[in-house]
Amino acid sequence: MTYDPPGLLASLSTHTYKVAYGNAGGATPNITNQVSFTVGPYVNYTLPAPLFSENFDITAEGSLPTGWTQTNYTDVTDATLDLGDLNSASYATWVVVDRNRFTNDFNGYLTHDPLLFDYLRVLSTNHFNVVNGQVVTNLAQGHFVFGDSGYRDGTESGDVPVFARLQSHWPGKCLPFL
């Protein structure tokens, strides 16, 4: 049995559900279960319609989309270009990858071991992320741009990947955000 309440429950609101059912025969003919819970603290971010929307599905994996540029301040400890290893030079900067890479086996950040699955957190959602009244349940689909910062092997100085769209111009619009 499942129940999905209509709409988004208010942040920090308390709710109680009671399920009662009869058991035909047996020592316990009627059973009642009651559960109370409190919704977590979330903020509903209300965003307007986008000025411009772009996906990267036609951009080949391992490249950058047309009109975008990148730079980085990353210590590269593995010069190999390998989209199957998060510590390779491929991920020392921004790169277009397919979402399915993060749902299948490939080498993780520190161990280079496909069995530890540390890369799975790339697509993990946080149920306190709410936009326009909807919990965000999918962080990426198709191709997306990924920059690996903070988990690379042996880096002491940290990683700073920078990614920008240079050909953006929206007359009359102040401070657009990506």
Protein backbone atom coordinates (compact mmCIF):
# COMPACT_ATOMS: atom_id res chain seq x y z
CA MET A 1 0.00 0.00 0.00
CA THR A 2 1.29 3.47 -0.83
CA TYR A 3 -0.03 6.98 -0.36
CA ASP A 4 1.21 10.14 -2.03
CA PRO A 5 -0.39 13.23 -0.50
CA PRO A 6 -1.59 15.84 -2.98
CA GLY A 7 0.84 18.72 -3.34
CA LEU A 8 3.86 19.67 -1.29
CA LEU A 9 3.54 19.39 2.48
CA ALA A 10 4.53 22.58 4.29
CA SER A 11 8.07 22.85 5.68
CA LEU A 12 8.28 21.69 9.32
CA SER A 13 4.60 20.66 9.36
CA THR A 14 3.60 17.62 11.44
CA HIS A 15 1.35 14.88 10.10
CA THR A 16 -0.18 11.65 11.39
CA TYR A 17 -1.33 8.73 9.27
CA LYS A 18 -3.42 5.87 10.57
CA VAL A 19 -3.88 2.60 8.70
CA ALA A 20 -6.48 0.16 9.97
CA TYR A 21 -7.41 -3.14 8.38
CA GLY A 22 -9.19 -6.32 9.26
CA ASN A 23 -7.58 -9.71 9.22
CA ALA A 24 -10.15 -12.34 8.27
CA GLY A 25 -9.51 -15.14 10.72
CA GLY A 26 -6.49 -15.75 12.89
CA ALA A 27 -5.71 -14.60 16.42
CA THR A 28 -5.64 -10.85 15.55
CA PRO A 29 -8.69 -9.96 13.47
CA ASN A 30 -8.10 -6.16 13.39
CA ILE A 31 -4.83 -4.23 13.16
CA THR A 32 -4.22 -0.48 13.42
CA ASN A 33 -0.90 1.26 12.80
CA GLN A 34 -0.36 4.96 13.39
CA VAL A 35 2.73 6.93 12.29
CA SER A 36 3.58 10.59 12.91
CA PHE A 37 6.28 12.55 11.12
CA THR A 38 7.54 16.09 10.62
CA VAL A 39 8.43 17.42 7.18
CA GLY A 40 12.05 18.55 6.95
CA PRO A 41 13.09 22.21 6.78
CA TYR A 42 13.11 23.28 3.16
CA VAL A 43 12.85 26.57 1.30
CA ASN A 44 10.74 26.73 -1.84
CA TYR A 45 12.72 28.74 -4.38
CA THR A 46 10.40 30.35 -6.88
CA LEU A 47 12.13 30.94 -10.20
CA PRO A 48 10.76 32.71 -13.28
CA ALA A 49 10.75 31.09 -16.70
CA PRO A 50 14.30 30.93 -18.08
CA LEU A 51 15.52 33.67 -20.42
CA PHE A 52 17.38 31.03 -22.37
CA SER A 53 17.60 27.27 -22.00
CA GLU A 54 20.33 25.05 -23.39
CA ASN A 55 21.12 21.38 -23.06
CA PHE A 56 24.28 19.61 -24.13
CA ASP A 57 22.85 16.48 -25.73
CA ILE A 58 24.31 17.21 -29.18
CA THR A 59 27.76 17.96 -27.72
CA ALA A 60 30.11 14.97 -27.88
CA GLU A 61 31.35 13.53 -24.61
CA GLY A 62 34.80 14.79 -23.68
CA SER A 63 34.34 18.19 -25.32
CA LEU A 64 32.86 21.61 -24.57
CA PRO A 65 29.73 23.04 -26.18
CA THR A 66 30.11 25.78 -28.80
CA GLY A 67 30.16 29.26 -27.27
CA TRP A 68 31.38 28.13 -23.85
CA THR A 69 34.87 28.45 -22.44
CA GLN A 70 36.61 27.05 -19.38
CA THR A 71 39.72 27.47 -17.31
CA ASN A 72 40.86 25.75 -14.15
CA TYR A 73 43.39 25.88 -11.36
CA THR A 74 43.67 22.16 -10.80
CA ASP A 75 46.64 19.98 -9.92
CA VAL A 76 46.64 17.16 -12.48
CA THR A 77 48.18 14.00 -11.05
CA ASP A 78 47.05 11.69 -13.86
CA ALA A 79 47.61 13.10 -17.38
CA THR A 80 45.62 10.30 -19.00
CA LEU A 81 42.39 11.37 -20.74
CA ASP A 82 39.91 8.74 -19.59
CA LEU A 83 36.19 9.47 -19.18
CA GLY A 84 36.00 6.21 -17.20
CA ASP A 85 38.22 7.55 -14.35
CA LEU A 86 37.25 10.61 -12.30
CA ASN A 87 40.87 11.27 -11.38
CA SER A 88 42.07 11.45 -15.01
CA ALA A 89 42.91 14.70 -16.79
CA SER A 90 39.49 14.52 -18.48
CA TYR A 91 37.88 15.65 -15.24
CA ALA A 92 40.52 18.20 -14.19
CA THR A 93 38.39 20.72 -16.04
CA TRP A 94 34.82 21.02 -17.27
CA VAL A 95 33.75 18.32 -19.68
CA VAL A 96 30.50 17.11 -21.27
CA VAL A 97 29.54 13.60 -20.13
CA ASP A 98 26.49 11.39 -20.41
CA ARG A 99 24.41 10.91 -17.27
CA ASN A 100 24.64 7.12 -17.67
CA ARG A 101 28.35 7.24 -16.77
CA PHE A 102 27.30 7.94 -13.19
CA THR A 103 24.88 5.01 -13.05
CA ASN A 104 27.33 2.36 -14.28
CA ASP A 105 30.71 1.10 -13.10
CA PHE A 106 33.68 3.37 -13.61
CA ASN A 107 36.66 4.35 -11.53
CA GLY A 108 35.92 6.57 -8.56
CA TYR A 109 37.62 9.67 -7.22
CA LEU A 110 40.33 8.41 -4.92
CA THR A 111 40.56 4.64 -5.19
CA HIS A 112 40.30 4.24 -8.98
CA ASP A 113 38.19 1.26 -8.01
CA PRO A 114 34.82 0.69 -9.71
CA LEU A 115 33.61 -1.32 -6.73
CA LEU A 116 33.42 1.52 -4.18
CA PHE A 117 30.77 3.60 -6.00
CA ASP A 118 31.88 6.96 -4.54
CA TYR A 119 30.92 8.58 -7.85
CA LEU A 120 27.23 7.73 -7.37
CA ARG A 121 26.79 10.82 -5.18
CA VAL A 122 27.12 12.99 -8.30
CA LEU A 123 23.45 12.34 -9.09
CA SER A 124 22.16 12.02 -5.51
CA THR A 125 19.35 14.38 -4.70
CA ASN A 126 18.58 16.27 -1.52
CA HIS A 127 14.87 16.24 -0.75
CA PHE A 128 15.17 19.69 0.81
CA ASN A 129 15.82 21.13 -2.67
CA VAL A 130 12.46 22.55 -3.75
CA VAL A 131 11.99 24.73 -6.84
CA ASN A 132 8.64 26.16 -7.88
CA GLY A 133 6.78 23.89 -5.46
CA GLN A 134 8.41 20.67 -6.70
CA VAL A 135 11.07 18.58 -4.96
CA VAL A 136 14.07 18.31 -7.29
CA THR A 137 14.40 14.58 -8.03
CA ASN A 138 16.58 14.55 -11.15
CA LEU A 139 19.81 16.54 -11.25
CA ALA A 140 20.76 15.67 -14.83
CA GLN A 141 19.48 13.94 -17.93
CA GLY A 142 21.21 13.18 -21.22
CA HIS A 143 24.54 15.00 -21.56
CA PHE A 144 25.59 17.51 -18.93
CA VAL A 145 28.70 19.52 -18.11
CA PHE A 146 30.69 18.19 -15.15
CA GLY A 147 33.66 19.67 -13.31
CA ASP A 148 35.39 17.62 -10.60
CA SER A 149 36.40 19.83 -7.70
CA GLY A 150 37.64 18.76 -4.30
CA TYR A 151 38.06 15.00 -4.57
CA ARG A 152 41.03 14.60 -6.87
CA ASP A 153 43.99 12.40 -5.87
CA GLY A 154 46.85 14.07 -4.03
CA THR A 155 45.86 17.70 -4.45
CA GLU A 156 46.74 20.04 -1.63
CA SER A 157 45.95 23.35 -3.33
CA GLY A 158 42.37 22.45 -4.16
CA ASP A 159 40.58 22.61 -7.46
CA VAL A 160 38.88 25.58 -9.07
CA PRO A 161 37.19 24.87 -12.40
CA VAL A 162 35.59 27.92 -14.07
CA PHE A 163 33.00 27.59 -16.86
CA ALA A 164 31.29 30.45 -18.71
CA ARG A 165 29.16 31.20 -21.74
CA LEU A 166 30.82 34.08 -23.54
CA GLN A 167 28.11 34.77 -26.11
CA SER A 168 25.39 35.79 -23.67
CA HIS A 169 23.59 39.07 -24.14
CA TRP A 170 20.14 39.89 -22.81
CA PRO A 171 19.26 43.59 -23.31
CA GLY A 172 17.20 44.99 -20.47
CA LYS A 173 17.92 42.07 -18.15
CA CYS A 174 19.97 42.68 -15.03
CA LEU A 175 22.26 40.10 -13.42
CA PRO A 176 21.21 36.87 -15.17
CA PHE A 177 22.35 33.72 -13.36
CA LEU A 178 23.40 30.36 -14.75
